[in-house]
């Protein structure tokens, strides 16, 4: 018994999940979840422990292009078909 759930209840739940999703889809979901967890762990390990903003070079600061927010709004007159 795990947290108030018996083995038979777990088996019934597993059968229902297999009927809903199918075995092939469950296999794909499992592999996708495993690769996501592996990537997350790798990202956590690769991240530097200290992120000092003073250490960022000017090249890194200016590498992103500014966002242009120009809007081209044109008003059109209603034609005879619209009225």
Protein backbone atom coordinates (compact mmCIF):
# COMPACT_ATOMS: atom_id res chain seq x y z
CA UNK A 1 0.00 0.00 0.00
CA UNK A 2 1.51 3.31 -1.16
CA UNK A 3 -0.07 6.40 0.37
CA UNK A 4 -3.45 4.75 0.82
CA UNK A 5 -3.54 3.24 -2.70
CA UNK A 6 -3.47 -0.54 -2.95
CA UNK A 7 -1.79 -2.58 -5.65
CA UNK A 8 -5.09 -3.53 -7.27
CA UNK A 9 -6.10 0.14 -7.53
CA UNK A 10 -2.76 0.93 -9.20
CA UNK A 11 -3.25 -1.91 -11.70
CA UNK A 12 -6.77 -0.72 -12.54
CA UNK A 13 -5.46 2.81 -13.02
CA UNK A 14 -2.67 1.53 -15.28
CA UNK A 15 -5.16 -0.40 -17.44
CA UNK A 16 -7.39 2.68 -17.79
CA UNK A 17 -4.43 4.89 -18.75
CA UNK A 18 -3.28 2.31 -21.32
CA UNK A 19 -6.77 2.18 -22.83
CA UNK A 20 -6.99 5.96 -23.06
CA UNK A 21 -3.51 6.73 -24.39
CA UNK A 22 -2.33 3.47 -25.93
CA UNK A 23 1.03 1.79 -25.38
CA UNK A 24 2.83 3.53 -28.25
CA UNK A 25 1.85 6.97 -27.06
CA UNK A 26 2.78 6.15 -23.45
CA UNK A 27 6.21 5.02 -24.65
CA UNK A 28 6.68 8.32 -26.50
CA UNK A 29 5.51 10.34 -23.48
CA UNK A 30 7.91 8.41 -21.24
CA UNK A 31 10.89 8.96 -23.51
CA UNK A 32 10.06 12.66 -23.94
CA UNK A 33 9.74 13.09 -20.19
CA UNK A 34 13.03 11.28 -19.60
CA UNK A 35 14.91 13.42 -22.12
CA UNK A 36 13.38 16.58 -20.64
CA UNK A 37 14.54 15.62 -17.15
CA UNK A 38 18.00 14.76 -18.48
CA UNK A 39 18.23 18.12 -20.24
CA UNK A 40 17.07 19.93 -17.11
CA UNK A 41 19.70 18.21 -14.97
CA UNK A 42 22.40 19.00 -17.54
CA UNK A 43 21.30 22.64 -17.61
CA UNK A 44 21.45 22.86 -13.83
CA UNK A 45 24.96 21.38 -13.77
CA UNK A 46 26.25 23.62 -16.59
CA UNK A 47 24.90 26.84 -15.08
CA UNK A 48 27.60 28.96 -13.44
CA UNK A 49 27.22 29.34 -9.69
CA UNK A 50 27.82 33.10 -9.63
CA UNK A 51 26.12 35.33 -12.15
CA UNK A 52 27.71 38.73 -11.59
CA UNK A 53 26.21 41.38 -13.90
CA UNK A 54 29.52 43.30 -13.86
CA UNK A 55 31.25 40.38 -15.61
CA UNK A 56 29.00 40.64 -18.67
CA UNK A 57 30.91 42.17 -21.57
CA UNK A 58 29.59 45.01 -23.68
CA UNK A 59 29.36 42.68 -26.66
CA UNK A 60 26.89 40.49 -24.78
CA UNK A 61 24.90 43.58 -23.76
CA UNK A 62 24.59 44.98 -27.28
CA UNK A 63 24.20 41.75 -29.22
CA UNK A 64 20.41 41.87 -29.20
CA UNK A 65 18.71 44.08 -31.75
CA UNK A 66 16.23 46.64 -30.41
CA UNK A 67 12.60 45.77 -30.81
CA UNK A 68 10.83 47.88 -33.40
CA UNK A 69 7.33 48.87 -32.42
CA UNK A 70 6.23 50.70 -35.55
CA UNK A 71 2.64 50.12 -36.44
CA UNK A 72 1.26 50.59 -39.92
CA UNK A 73 -2.39 51.32 -39.37
CA UNK A 74 -4.41 52.27 -42.38
CA UNK A 75 -8.03 53.21 -42.24
CA UNK A 76 -10.09 52.13 -45.19
CA UNK A 77 -13.37 53.55 -46.30
CA UNK A 78 -16.28 51.16 -46.34
CA UNK A 79 -17.18 50.18 -49.86
CA UNK A 80 -20.64 49.66 -51.24
CA UNK A 81 -20.34 45.96 -50.49
CA UNK A 82 -19.62 46.58 -46.78
CA UNK A 83 -22.61 48.85 -46.21
